[in-house]
Amino acid sequence: MSRFRLPPPRRARAALAAALLSAAGGAAAAPAVYEIDPAHTYPSFEADHMGLSVWRGKFERSAGTVTLDREAGTGSVEIRIDVASVDFGLAAMNEEARSERLFDAARYPQATYRGRLAGFRDGAPTRVIGELTLHGATRPVELRIERFKCIPHPLHKRELCGADAYARLRRDEFGIDAGKDFGFDMNVDLRIQVEAVRAP
């Protein structure tokens, strides 16, 4: 036996310590998963009305998850939106929005946004590079994150993260072109206020 080899008990202890350190390192590197809080997450949008005014609506029901690894500067987002929950604050407009002339909620009941977090600064993402699936069409949409913060949740005793994200898209690229022939601007400003609680 070489004089540089550890005795069997010491080798076993060293191997066990190395395994524990490796496991601890792997756990520390794993991204955290956060569950979207539907009571504090409301995707909203602003759309032109013949250049005369701006109509504003929001979706009342959404769900999803966020993964985040601040140390590695990586993460992902998935948000699912119940299209029929659209609310303009006017019942007649809500019905119009759900109809086949606009969102066609009966045929396309869910919109989905999936993307990866990017542009990290001091552990916080500044962009989401992803795709929006809406009205049966999927197009690239990049979100700009204006605010991002994580704090201990005062009630759940788990980490709570929140953000405000913005994007501009063209609704006719998703097949929603009602009013285009009458001069409606097809650009729509999308805004997402989101809060998510770290999964236990």
Foldseek 3Di string as FASTA:
>chain_A
DDPPDDPPVVVVVVVVVVVVVVVVVVVLQFWFKWWWDLVFKKKKKWWFDLVPDIQIKIANGKIWMKTFGLVVQKIKTKMKTQQLRIDRPDVVVSVVCCPPLAQVCVVVGIKMWIFMFHDDDNSDGQKTWTWIQGLNDIDTWMKGWPDKDWDQDPPPRFIKIWTKIKTKDFRVNNVNCPCVVVPIGRIMIIIITIMTTTDD
